[in-house]
Amino acid sequence: MPPLKPFAAAATTLRSRITSSLRTRGSGGGPSRWATPGHEEHPKGFAYNSTPPPPGESRKWEDWELPCYITSFLTIVILGVGLNAKPDLTIETWAHQKALERLQLEEAQSAESD
């Protein structure tokens, strides 16, 4: 059986690195990636950190919004129509059609023999 000292040393090293990174992540005292100079210290509390327009005015759409909404709507319509119009190629449908054909052949043969 191999000695467990290397595993214990590796576990201790990993544990110390993880705990030190957890301690410095939230409020480490140094410059943070999210609160660098030039960014606001406290957000305004609105969606996407933008203030709503004054009462009576509507929000201006950005350049990407109309093409995105039109493309999304057309995608849903095309998929809805296309998936509903696709042919039924399941094995159950094929077997049902073959069974109906056999029944018609048997009926035709029994009618001829009578």
N, C-alpha and C. Protein backbone atom coordinates (compact mmCIF):
# COMPACT_ATOMS: atom_id res chain seq x y z
N MET A 1 0.85 -1.18 0.00
CA MET A 1 0.00 0.00 0.00
C MET A 1 0.89 1.24 0.00
N PRO A 2 0.65 2.23 -0.89
CA PRO A 2 1.51 3.41 -0.97
C PRO A 2 1.31 4.30 0.26
N PRO A 3 2.34 5.04 0.61
CA PRO A 3 2.20 5.94 1.76
C PRO A 3 1.21 7.06 1.46
N LEU A 4 0.49 7.52 2.48
CA LEU A 4 -0.54 8.52 2.31
C LEU A 4 -0.02 9.95 2.48
N LYS A 5 1.26 10.11 2.75
CA LYS A 5 1.80 11.45 2.98
C LYS A 5 1.65 12.37 1.76
N PRO A 6 1.94 11.92 0.52
CA PRO A 6 1.76 12.83 -0.61
C PRO A 6 0.31 13.29 -0.77
N PHE A 7 -0.64 12.38 -0.54
CA PHE A 7 -2.05 12.75 -0.67
C PHE A 7 -2.44 13.74 0.41
N ALA A 8 -1.95 13.54 1.62
CA ALA A 8 -2.27 14.45 2.71
C ALA A 8 -1.67 15.83 2.45
N ALA A 9 -0.47 15.86 1.90
CA ALA A 9 0.16 17.14 1.60
C ALA A 9 -0.60 17.87 0.49
N ALA A 10 -1.02 17.14 -0.52
CA ALA A 10 -1.79 17.76 -1.61
C ALA A 10 -3.12 18.28 -1.10
N ALA A 11 -3.79 17.51 -0.24
CA ALA A 11 -5.06 17.94 0.31
C ALA A 11 -4.90 19.19 1.15
N THR A 12 -3.83 19.26 1.93
CA THR A 12 -3.58 20.44 2.75
C THR A 12 -3.32 21.67 1.88
N THR A 13 -2.55 21.49 0.82
CA THR A 13 -2.27 22.61 -0.09
C THR A 13 -3.54 23.10 -0.76
N LEU A 14 -4.35 22.18 -1.25
CA LEU A 14 -5.61 22.58 -1.89
C LEU A 14 -6.53 23.27 -0.90
N ARG A 15 -6.64 22.74 0.28
CA ARG A 15 -7.52 23.33 1.30
C ARG A 15 -7.08 24.75 1.63
N SER A 16 -5.77 24.97 1.76
CA SER A 16 -5.30 26.32 2.10
C SER A 16 -5.54 27.29 0.95
N ARG A 17 -5.37 26.84 -0.29
CA ARG A 17 -5.62 27.73 -1.43
C ARG A 17 -7.10 28.07 -1.56
N ILE A 18 -7.96 27.09 -1.34
CA ILE A 18 -9.40 27.33 -1.47
C ILE A 18 -9.87 28.27 -0.38
N THR A 19 -9.47 28.03 0.85
CA THR A 19 -9.94 28.89 1.94
C THR A 19 -9.40 30.30 1.81
N SER A 20 -8.18 30.47 1.34
CA SER A 20 -7.65 31.83 1.18
C SER A 20 -8.39 32.57 0.07
N SER A 21 -8.74 31.87 -0.99
CA SER A 21 -9.46 32.55 -2.07
C SER A 21 -10.88 32.87 -1.65
N LEU A 22 -11.49 32.04 -0.83
CA LEU A 22 -12.84 32.34 -0.35
C LEU A 22 -12.83 33.54 0.59
N ARG A 23 -11.79 33.68 1.38
CA ARG A 23 -11.73 34.80 2.31
C ARG A 23 -11.56 36.12 1.57
N THR A 24 -10.81 36.14 0.48
CA THR A 24 -10.54 37.40 -0.20
C THR A 24 -11.55 37.73 -1.27
N ARG A 25 -12.47 36.85 -1.56
CA ARG A 25 -13.37 37.09 -2.68
C ARG A 25 -14.37 38.21 -2.40
N GLY A 26 -15.10 38.14 -1.31
CA GLY A 26 -16.18 39.10 -1.08
C GLY A 26 -15.69 40.49 -0.77
N SER A 27 -15.00 40.68 0.31
CA SER A 27 -14.52 42.01 0.69
C SER A 27 -13.06 41.90 1.07
N GLY A 28 -12.23 41.73 0.10
CA GLY A 28 -10.82 41.55 0.35
C GLY A 28 -10.09 42.84 0.67
N GLY A 29 -10.73 43.97 0.49
CA GLY A 29 -10.10 45.23 0.79
C GLY A 29 -9.39 45.83 -0.41
N GLY A 30 -8.99 45.03 -1.36
CA GLY A 30 -8.29 45.54 -2.53
C GLY A 30 -9.26 45.92 -3.62
N PRO A 31 -8.72 46.34 -4.77
CA PRO A 31 -9.62 46.70 -5.87
C PRO A 31 -10.37 45.46 -6.37
N SER A 32 -11.63 45.65 -6.59
CA SER A 32 -12.47 44.55 -7.04
C SER A 32 -12.71 44.69 -8.53
N ARG A 33 -12.98 43.58 -9.15
CA ARG A 33 -13.26 43.58 -10.58
C ARG A 33 -14.58 44.28 -10.86
N TRP A 34 -15.50 44.25 -9.91
CA TRP A 34 -16.83 44.81 -10.12
C TRP A 34 -16.93 46.24 -9.63
N ALA A 35 -16.02 46.71 -8.83
CA ALA A 35 -16.10 48.06 -8.30
C ALA A 35 -14.81 48.81 -8.60
N THR A 36 -14.37 48.76 -9.83
CA THR A 36 -13.16 49.48 -10.20
C THR A 36 -13.48 50.96 -10.32
N PRO A 37 -12.49 51.82 -10.24
CA PRO A 37 -12.77 53.24 -10.40
C PRO A 37 -13.41 53.51 -11.76
N GLY A 38 -14.41 54.37 -11.75
CA GLY A 38 -15.14 54.65 -12.98
C GLY A 38 -16.49 53.96 -13.01
N HIS A 39 -16.68 52.98 -12.16
CA HIS A 39 -17.97 52.33 -12.04
C HIS A 39 -18.67 52.87 -10.81
N GLU A 40 -19.97 52.76 -10.80
CA GLU A 40 -20.72 53.25 -9.65
C GLU A 40 -20.52 52.33 -8.46
N GLU A 41 -20.48 52.93 -7.29
CA GLU A 41 -20.37 52.13 -6.08
C GLU A 41 -21.70 51.46 -5.76
N HIS A 42 -22.79 52.21 -5.88
CA HIS A 42 -24.11 51.68 -5.57
C HIS A 42 -24.98 51.79 -6.82
N PRO A 43 -25.56 50.68 -7.30
CA PRO A 43 -26.42 50.77 -8.48
C PRO A 43 -27.69 51.55 -8.18
N LYS A 44 -28.32 52.02 -9.23
CA LYS A 44 -29.52 52.84 -9.08
C LYS A 44 -30.75 52.03 -8.68
N GLY A 45 -30.71 50.73 -8.89
CA GLY A 45 -31.85 49.90 -8.52
C GLY A 45 -32.81 49.63 -9.66
N PHE A 46 -32.49 50.06 -10.87
CA PHE A 46 -33.35 49.82 -12.02
C PHE A 46 -32.74 48.72 -12.88
N ALA A 47 -33.55 48.16 -13.76
CA ALA A 47 -33.08 47.10 -14.64
C ALA A 47 -31.98 47.64 -15.55
N TYR A 48 -30.91 46.91 -15.66
CA TYR A 48 -29.76 47.24 -16.50
C TYR A 48 -29.13 48.57 -16.10
N ASN A 49 -29.39 49.02 -14.87
CA ASN A 49 -28.78 50.21 -14.30
C ASN A 49 -29.09 51.46 -15.12
N SER A 50 -30.28 51.52 -15.71
CA SER A 50 -30.67 52.70 -16.47
C SER A 50 -31.97 53.26 -15.87
N THR A 51 -32.04 54.57 -15.82
CA THR A 51 -33.23 55.20 -15.23
C THR A 51 -34.39 55.13 -16.22
N PRO A 52 -35.61 55.01 -15.73
CA PRO A 52 -36.77 54.97 -16.64
C PRO A 52 -37.02 56.36 -17.23
N PRO A 53 -37.70 56.41 -18.39
CA PRO A 53 -37.98 57.72 -18.99
C PRO A 53 -38.98 58.49 -18.13
N PRO A 54 -39.05 59.79 -18.32
CA PRO A 54 -40.01 60.59 -17.55
C PRO A 54 -41.44 60.16 -17.88
N PRO A 55 -42.38 60.43 -17.00
CA PRO A 55 -43.78 60.04 -17.26
C PRO A 55 -44.30 60.68 -18.55
N GLY A 56 -45.01 59.86 -19.32
CA GLY A 56 -45.56 60.33 -20.59
C GLY A 56 -44.68 60.04 -21.79
N GLU A 57 -43.44 59.68 -21.57
CA GLU A 57 -42.53 59.37 -22.68
C GLU A 57 -42.29 57.87 -22.71
N SER A 58 -42.14 57.34 -23.92
CA SER A 58 -41.84 55.92 -24.04
C SER A 58 -40.34 55.73 -24.23
N ARG A 59 -39.88 54.57 -23.89
CA ARG A 59 -38.46 54.26 -24.00
C ARG A 59 -38.09 54.11 -25.47
N LYS A 60 -36.94 54.66 -25.86
CA LYS A 60 -36.47 54.51 -27.23
C LYS A 60 -35.88 53.12 -27.40
N TRP A 61 -36.24 52.47 -28.50
CA TRP A 61 -35.69 51.16 -28.79
C TRP A 61 -34.26 51.31 -29.27
N GLU A 62 -33.46 50.32 -28.94
CA GLU A 62 -32.09 50.31 -29.46
C GLU A 62 -32.10 49.66 -30.84
N ASP A 63 -30.98 49.79 -31.54
CA ASP A 63 -30.91 49.34 -32.94
C ASP A 63 -31.13 47.84 -33.10
N TRP A 64 -30.73 47.05 -32.13
CA TRP A 64 -30.79 45.60 -32.25
C TRP A 64 -32.17 45.04 -31.90
N GLU A 65 -33.03 45.81 -31.24
CA GLU A 65 -34.25 45.24 -30.70
C GLU A 65 -35.27 44.83 -31.77
N LEU A 66 -35.57 45.69 -32.72
CA LEU A 66 -36.57 45.36 -33.73
C LEU A 66 -36.18 44.13 -34.56
N PRO A 67 -34.95 44.06 -35.11
CA PRO A 67 -34.59 42.84 -35.85
C PRO A 67 -34.63 41.59 -34.98
N CYS A 68 -34.26 41.72 -33.72
CA CYS A 68 -34.27 40.56 -32.82
C CYS A 68 -35.70 40.08 -32.59
N TYR A 69 -36.64 41.01 -32.34
CA TYR A 69 -38.03 40.62 -32.09
C TYR A 69 -38.67 40.03 -33.35
N ILE A 70 -38.40 40.63 -34.50
CA ILE A 70 -38.97 40.12 -35.76
C ILE A 70 -38.44 38.73 -36.05
N THR A 71 -37.14 38.53 -35.90
CA THR A 71 -36.53 37.23 -36.15
C THR A 71 -37.07 36.17 -35.19
N SER A 72 -37.22 36.53 -33.94
CA SER A 72 -37.75 35.57 -32.96
C SER A 72 -39.18 35.17 -33.31
N PHE A 73 -40.02 36.14 -33.66
CA PHE A 73 -41.40 35.85 -34.01
C PHE A 73 -41.48 34.97 -35.26
N LEU A 74 -40.70 35.30 -36.28
CA LEU A 74 -40.73 34.51 -37.51
C LEU A 74 -40.20 33.09 -37.28
N THR A 75 -39.22 32.96 -36.42
CA THR A 75 -38.69 31.62 -36.10
C THR A 75 -39.77 30.77 -35.46
N ILE A 76 -40.50 31.34 -34.52
CA ILE A 76 -41.56 30.59 -33.85
C ILE A 76 -42.65 30.21 -34.85
N VAL A 77 -43.04 31.12 -35.73
CA VAL A 77 -44.08 30.83 -36.72
C VAL A 77 -43.61 29.74 -37.69
N ILE A 78 -42.39 29.87 -38.21
CA ILE A 78 -41.89 28.89 -39.17
C ILE A 78 -41.76 27.52 -38.52
N LEU A 79 -41.26 27.45 -37.30
CA LEU A 79 -41.14 26.16 -36.62
C LEU A 79 -42.52 25.57 -36.32
N GLY A 80 -43.46 26.41 -35.90
CA GLY A 80 -44.80 25.92 -35.60
C GLY A 80 -45.47 25.34 -36.83
N VAL A 81 -45.41 26.04 -37.94
CA VAL A 81 -46.03 25.55 -39.17
C VAL A 81 -45.27 24.34 -39.71
N GLY A 82 -43.96 24.44 -39.72
CA GLY A 82 -43.15 23.36 -40.28
C GLY A 82 -43.26 22.07 -39.51
N LEU A 83 -43.25 22.15 -38.19
CA LEU A 83 -43.32 20.93 -37.39
C LEU A 83 -44.72 20.31 -37.41
N ASN A 84 -45.75 21.15 -37.61
CA ASN A 84 -47.09 20.59 -37.70
C ASN A 84 -47.38 20.00 -39.08
N ALA A 85 -46.67 20.45 -40.11
CA ALA A 85 -46.92 19.98 -41.47
C ALA A 85 -46.00 18.84 -41.88
N LYS A 86 -45.10 18.41 -41.02
CA LYS A 86 -44.18 17.35 -41.42
C LYS A 86 -44.93 16.02 -41.54
N PRO A 87 -44.49 15.15 -42.40
CA PRO A 87 -45.19 13.88 -42.57
C PRO A 87 -45.01 12.98 -41.36
N ASP A 88 -46.01 12.13 -41.14
CA ASP A 88 -45.97 11.20 -40.02
C ASP A 88 -45.21 9.95 -40.47
N LEU A 89 -44.01 9.77 -40.02
CA LEU A 89 -43.17 8.66 -40.44
C LEU A 89 -42.90 7.69 -39.29
N THR A 90 -43.82 7.58 -38.35
CA THR A 90 -43.60 6.67 -37.23
C THR A 90 -43.87 5.24 -37.66
N ILE A 91 -43.30 4.31 -36.94
CA ILE A 91 -43.48 2.89 -37.26
C ILE A 91 -44.93 2.46 -37.04
N GLU A 92 -45.60 3.08 -36.07
CA GLU A 92 -46.98 2.72 -35.81
C GLU A 92 -47.89 3.07 -36.99
N THR A 93 -47.67 4.23 -37.60
CA THR A 93 -48.47 4.65 -38.75
C THR A 93 -48.22 3.72 -39.93
N TRP A 94 -46.96 3.37 -40.16
CA TRP A 94 -46.63 2.47 -41.26
C TRP A 94 -47.29 1.11 -41.05
N ALA A 95 -47.21 0.59 -39.82
CA ALA A 95 -47.80 -0.72 -39.54
C ALA A 95 -49.31 -0.67 -39.67
N HIS A 96 -49.93 0.42 -39.26
CA HIS A 96 -51.38 0.55 -39.40
C HIS A 96 -51.79 0.55 -40.87
N GLN A 97 -51.05 1.27 -41.70
CA GLN A 97 -51.36 1.30 -43.14
C GLN A 97 -51.19 -0.09 -43.76
N LYS A 98 -50.13 -0.81 -43.39
CA LYS A 98 -49.92 -2.15 -43.92
C LYS A 98 -51.02 -3.10 -43.48
N ALA A 99 -51.46 -2.96 -42.23
CA ALA A 99 -52.55 -3.82 -41.74
C ALA A 99 -53.84 -3.54 -42.50
N LEU A 100 -54.12 -2.29 -42.77
CA LEU A 100 -55.32 -1.95 -43.54
C LEU A 100 -55.24 -2.51 -44.96
N GLU A 101 -54.06 -2.44 -45.57
CA GLU A 101 -53.88 -3.00 -46.92
C GLU A 101 -54.13 -4.51 -46.91
N ARG A 102 -53.60 -5.20 -45.90
CA ARG A 102 -53.81 -6.66 -45.81
C ARG A 102 -55.28 -7.00 -45.62
N LEU A 103 -55.95 -6.22 -44.78
CA LEU A 103 -57.39 -6.47 -44.58
C LEU A 103 -58.16 -6.27 -45.87
N GLN A 104 -57.83 -5.25 -46.65
CA GLN A 104 -58.52 -5.02 -47.92
C GLN A 104 -58.24 -6.17 -48.89
N LEU A 105 -56.98 -6.67 -48.92
CA LEU A 105 -56.66 -7.81 -49.78
C LEU A 105 -57.45 -9.05 -49.36
N GLU A 106 -57.54 -9.30 -48.05
CA GLU A 106 -58.29 -10.46 -47.57
C GLU A 106 -59.78 -10.34 -47.91
N GLU A 107 -60.33 -9.14 -47.78
CA GLU A 107 -61.74 -8.93 -48.12
C GLU A 107 -61.97 -9.13 -49.62
N ALA A 108 -61.01 -8.65 -50.41
CA ALA A 108 -61.17 -8.80 -51.87
C ALA A 108 -61.07 -10.27 -52.27
N GLN A 109 -60.16 -11.04 -51.63
CA GLN A 109 -60.03 -12.45 -51.93
C GLN A 109 -61.25 -13.24 -51.46
N SER A 110 -61.79 -12.87 -50.30
CA SER A 110 -62.98 -13.59 -49.80
C SER A 110 -64.19 -13.25 -50.66
N ALA A 111 -64.27 -12.04 -51.21
CA ALA A 111 -65.38 -11.67 -52.07
C ALA A 111 -65.29 -12.40 -53.42
N GLU A 112 -64.08 -12.64 -53.91
CA GLU A 112 -63.89 -13.35 -55.16
C GLU A 112 -64.23 -14.83 -55.02
N SER A 113 -63.91 -15.38 -53.85
CA SER A 113 -64.15 -16.82 -53.66
C SER A 113 -65.64 -17.11 -53.41
N ASP A 114 -66.40 -16.12 -53.01
CA ASP A 114 -67.85 -16.35 -52.80
C ASP A 114 -68.59 -16.38 -54.05
